[in-house]
Amino acid sequence: MIIYSAMPLELIFQNEDSHAYDCQEIQVGAVTMVVQATGVNEAKIVRLISPNPQDYLNPSYAPGQKIYFRPNLDR
């Protein structure tokens, strides 16, 4: 990202550190994604990490979608 501005960068990015999200990387099937917990066994997709372009076209994997899961108790 390139920003062309006369304002100092300290003013533009002054609140950038306040967005400390509790994100974690999980795998759903063959798709790896970064999610943010929103409740018990519930998370919001923040980012998709996949080498398969078809995964990005799947609307259920779109950023902002909620996923529901069960914790893995085998660990």
N, C-alpha and C. Protein backbone atom coordinates (compact mmCIF):
# COMPACT_ATOMS: atom_id res chain seq x y z
N MET A 1 0.85 -1.16 0.00
CA MET A 1 0.00 0.00 0.00
C MET A 1 0.90 1.23 0.00
N ILE A 2 0.56 2.18 -0.84
CA ILE A 2 1.30 3.43 -0.92
C ILE A 2 0.34 4.55 -0.53
N ILE A 3 0.80 5.40 0.39
CA ILE A 3 0.00 6.53 0.83
C ILE A 3 0.72 7.81 0.45
N TYR A 4 0.04 8.64 -0.33
CA TYR A 4 0.56 9.96 -0.70
C TYR A 4 -0.19 10.98 0.15
N SER A 5 0.49 11.58 1.11
CA SER A 5 -0.16 12.52 2.01
C SER A 5 0.85 13.53 2.52
N ALA A 6 0.37 14.74 2.77
CA ALA A 6 1.20 15.77 3.38
C ALA A 6 1.22 15.64 4.90
N MET A 7 0.29 14.83 5.43
CA MET A 7 0.23 14.62 6.88
C MET A 7 1.35 13.67 7.31
N PRO A 8 1.90 13.86 8.50
CA PRO A 8 2.92 12.93 8.99
C PRO A 8 2.31 11.53 9.21
N LEU A 9 3.12 10.52 8.96
CA LEU A 9 2.64 9.14 9.12
C LEU A 9 2.21 8.83 10.55
N GLU A 10 2.79 9.53 11.53
CA GLU A 10 2.41 9.32 12.92
C GLU A 10 0.95 9.67 13.15
N LEU A 11 0.44 10.68 12.45
CA LEU A 11 -0.96 11.05 12.57
C LEU A 11 -1.88 10.08 11.84
N ILE A 12 -1.42 9.59 10.72
CA ILE A 12 -2.24 8.67 9.94
C ILE A 12 -2.38 7.33 10.66
N PHE A 13 -1.29 6.83 11.22
CA PHE A 13 -1.29 5.51 11.84
C PHE A 13 -1.28 5.56 13.37
N GLN A 14 -1.78 6.62 13.97
CA GLN A 14 -1.70 6.76 15.42
C GLN A 14 -2.54 5.72 16.16
N ASN A 15 -3.61 5.24 15.60
CA ASN A 15 -4.47 4.26 16.28
C ASN A 15 -4.27 2.85 15.75
N GLU A 16 -3.26 2.65 14.95
CA GLU A 16 -3.05 1.34 14.33
C GLU A 16 -2.73 0.26 15.35
N ASP A 17 -1.99 0.59 16.41
CA ASP A 17 -1.63 -0.41 17.42
C ASP A 17 -2.79 -0.77 18.33
N SER A 18 -3.84 0.02 18.34
CA SER A 18 -4.97 -0.27 19.22
C SER A 18 -5.86 -1.37 18.68
N HIS A 19 -5.59 -1.86 17.47
CA HIS A 19 -6.39 -2.92 16.88
C HIS A 19 -5.74 -4.28 17.11
N ALA A 20 -5.49 -4.61 18.34
CA ALA A 20 -4.87 -5.89 18.66
C ALA A 20 -5.96 -6.95 18.73
N TYR A 21 -6.17 -7.64 17.63
CA TYR A 21 -7.20 -8.66 17.56
C TYR A 21 -6.64 -9.99 18.02
N ASP A 22 -7.48 -10.78 18.62
CA ASP A 22 -7.08 -12.11 19.05
C ASP A 22 -7.40 -13.07 17.91
N CYS A 23 -6.49 -13.17 16.96
CA CYS A 23 -6.70 -14.01 15.78
C CYS A 23 -5.88 -15.28 15.91
N GLN A 24 -6.39 -16.32 15.29
CA GLN A 24 -5.64 -17.57 15.24
C GLN A 24 -5.84 -18.21 13.88
N GLU A 25 -4.87 -19.00 13.49
CA GLU A 25 -4.91 -19.69 12.21
C GLU A 25 -5.46 -21.09 12.43
N ILE A 26 -6.51 -21.44 11.68
CA ILE A 26 -7.11 -22.77 11.80
C ILE A 26 -7.23 -23.38 10.42
N GLN A 27 -7.50 -24.67 10.40
CA GLN A 27 -7.68 -25.38 9.13
C GLN A 27 -9.05 -26.02 9.13
N VAL A 28 -9.83 -25.71 8.11
CA VAL A 28 -11.16 -26.30 7.91
C VAL A 28 -11.09 -27.11 6.64
N GLY A 29 -11.06 -28.43 6.79
CA GLY A 29 -10.86 -29.29 5.63
C GLY A 29 -9.47 -29.07 5.09
N ALA A 30 -9.38 -28.68 3.82
CA ALA A 30 -8.08 -28.41 3.20
C ALA A 30 -7.78 -26.92 3.14
N VAL A 31 -8.64 -26.11 3.73
CA VAL A 31 -8.50 -24.65 3.65
C VAL A 31 -7.98 -24.12 4.97
N THR A 32 -6.92 -23.31 4.92
CA THR A 32 -6.39 -22.65 6.10
C THR A 32 -6.91 -21.22 6.11
N MET A 33 -7.34 -20.76 7.29
CA MET A 33 -7.88 -19.41 7.40
C MET A 33 -7.50 -18.80 8.74
N VAL A 34 -7.48 -17.49 8.78
CA VAL A 34 -7.24 -16.74 10.00
C VAL A 34 -8.62 -16.29 10.49
N VAL A 35 -8.93 -16.62 11.76
CA VAL A 35 -10.24 -16.29 12.31
C VAL A 35 -10.08 -15.50 13.60
N GLN A 36 -11.13 -14.76 13.94
CA GLN A 36 -11.19 -14.01 15.19
C GLN A 36 -12.36 -14.56 15.98
N ALA A 37 -12.11 -15.00 17.20
CA ALA A 37 -13.16 -15.57 18.04
C ALA A 37 -14.21 -14.51 18.35
N THR A 38 -15.49 -14.88 18.17
CA THR A 38 -16.60 -13.97 18.48
C THR A 38 -17.50 -14.53 19.56
N GLY A 39 -17.30 -15.76 19.94
CA GLY A 39 -18.11 -16.38 20.97
C GLY A 39 -17.61 -17.80 21.22
N VAL A 40 -18.37 -18.52 21.99
CA VAL A 40 -18.01 -19.91 22.28
C VAL A 40 -18.26 -20.74 21.03
N ASN A 41 -17.24 -21.40 20.53
CA ASN A 41 -17.30 -22.24 19.34
C ASN A 41 -17.79 -21.47 18.11
N GLU A 42 -17.48 -20.19 18.05
CA GLU A 42 -17.90 -19.35 16.94
C GLU A 42 -16.76 -18.39 16.61
N ALA A 43 -16.53 -18.17 15.33
CA ALA A 43 -15.47 -17.26 14.91
C ALA A 43 -15.85 -16.57 13.61
N LYS A 44 -15.20 -15.44 13.36
CA LYS A 44 -15.41 -14.68 12.13
C LYS A 44 -14.15 -14.82 11.28
N ILE A 45 -14.33 -15.11 10.00
CA ILE A 45 -13.20 -15.26 9.09
C ILE A 45 -12.60 -13.89 8.82
N VAL A 46 -11.29 -13.78 9.05
CA VAL A 46 -10.57 -12.53 8.81
C VAL A 46 -9.80 -12.61 7.49
N ARG A 47 -9.20 -13.78 7.23
CA ARG A 47 -8.35 -13.93 6.05
C ARG A 47 -8.33 -15.38 5.62
N LEU A 48 -8.28 -15.61 4.33
CA LEU A 48 -8.22 -16.95 3.78
C LEU A 48 -6.82 -17.19 3.24
N ILE A 49 -6.26 -18.37 3.55
CA ILE A 49 -4.92 -18.73 3.07
C ILE A 49 -5.06 -20.05 2.33
N SER A 50 -5.02 -20.01 1.02
CA SER A 50 -5.20 -21.22 0.24
C SER A 50 -4.53 -21.07 -1.12
N PRO A 51 -3.88 -22.13 -1.61
CA PRO A 51 -3.30 -22.06 -2.95
C PRO A 51 -4.34 -22.32 -4.04
N ASN A 52 -5.53 -22.77 -3.66
CA ASN A 52 -6.57 -23.10 -4.63
C ASN A 52 -7.45 -21.89 -4.89
N PRO A 53 -7.49 -21.37 -6.12
CA PRO A 53 -8.30 -20.19 -6.41
C PRO A 53 -9.80 -20.43 -6.23
N GLN A 54 -10.25 -21.66 -6.33
CA GLN A 54 -11.67 -21.96 -6.15
C GLN A 54 -12.13 -21.69 -4.73
N ASP A 55 -11.24 -21.81 -3.76
CA ASP A 55 -11.60 -21.53 -2.37
C ASP A 55 -11.97 -20.07 -2.16
N TYR A 56 -11.33 -19.16 -2.91
CA TYR A 56 -11.63 -17.74 -2.79
C TYR A 56 -12.98 -17.38 -3.41
N LEU A 57 -13.48 -18.23 -4.30
CA LEU A 57 -14.78 -17.99 -4.92
C LEU A 57 -15.92 -18.58 -4.10
N ASN A 58 -15.62 -19.36 -3.09
CA ASN A 58 -16.64 -19.96 -2.23
C ASN A 58 -17.17 -18.89 -1.27
N PRO A 59 -18.47 -18.53 -1.36
CA PRO A 59 -18.99 -17.47 -0.49
C PRO A 59 -18.99 -17.83 0.99
N SER A 60 -18.95 -19.09 1.33
CA SER A 60 -18.93 -19.46 2.75
C SER A 60 -17.57 -19.23 3.38
N TYR A 61 -16.52 -19.00 2.57
CA TYR A 61 -15.19 -18.71 3.08
C TYR A 61 -14.84 -17.23 2.97
N ALA A 62 -15.79 -16.38 2.65
CA ALA A 62 -15.52 -14.95 2.47
C ALA A 62 -15.21 -14.30 3.81
N PRO A 63 -14.30 -13.33 3.84
CA PRO A 63 -14.02 -12.61 5.09
C PRO A 63 -15.28 -11.97 5.64
N GLY A 64 -15.46 -12.10 6.94
CA GLY A 64 -16.65 -11.58 7.60
C GLY A 64 -17.69 -12.65 7.88
N GLN A 65 -17.59 -13.80 7.20
CA GLN A 65 -18.53 -14.89 7.44
C GLN A 65 -18.24 -15.53 8.79
N LYS A 66 -19.27 -16.01 9.43
CA LYS A 66 -19.10 -16.69 10.71
C LYS A 66 -19.01 -18.19 10.48
N ILE A 67 -18.12 -18.82 11.21
CA ILE A 67 -18.03 -20.27 11.17
C ILE A 67 -18.25 -20.80 12.58
N TYR A 68 -18.79 -21.98 12.66
CA TYR A 68 -19.05 -22.64 13.93
C TYR A 68 -18.24 -23.94 13.94
N PHE A 69 -17.62 -24.22 15.07
CA PHE A 69 -16.76 -25.39 15.13
C PHE A 69 -16.79 -25.99 16.52
N ARG A 70 -16.29 -27.21 16.60
CA ARG A 70 -16.12 -27.90 17.88
C ARG A 70 -14.63 -27.93 18.20
N PRO A 71 -14.26 -27.71 19.43
CA PRO A 71 -12.84 -27.77 19.77
C PRO A 71 -12.31 -29.20 19.62
N ASN A 72 -11.06 -29.30 19.20
CA ASN A 72 -10.41 -30.59 19.04
C ASN A 72 -9.86 -31.01 20.40
N LEU A 73 -10.43 -32.04 20.98
CA LEU A 73 -10.03 -32.50 22.31
C LEU A 73 -8.97 -33.59 22.27
N ASP A 74 -8.48 -33.93 21.07
CA ASP A 74 -7.46 -34.97 20.93
C ASP A 74 -6.07 -34.50 21.29
N ARG A 75 -5.88 -33.23 21.46
CA ARG A 75 -4.53 -32.70 21.74
C ARG A 75 -4.14 -32.88 23.15
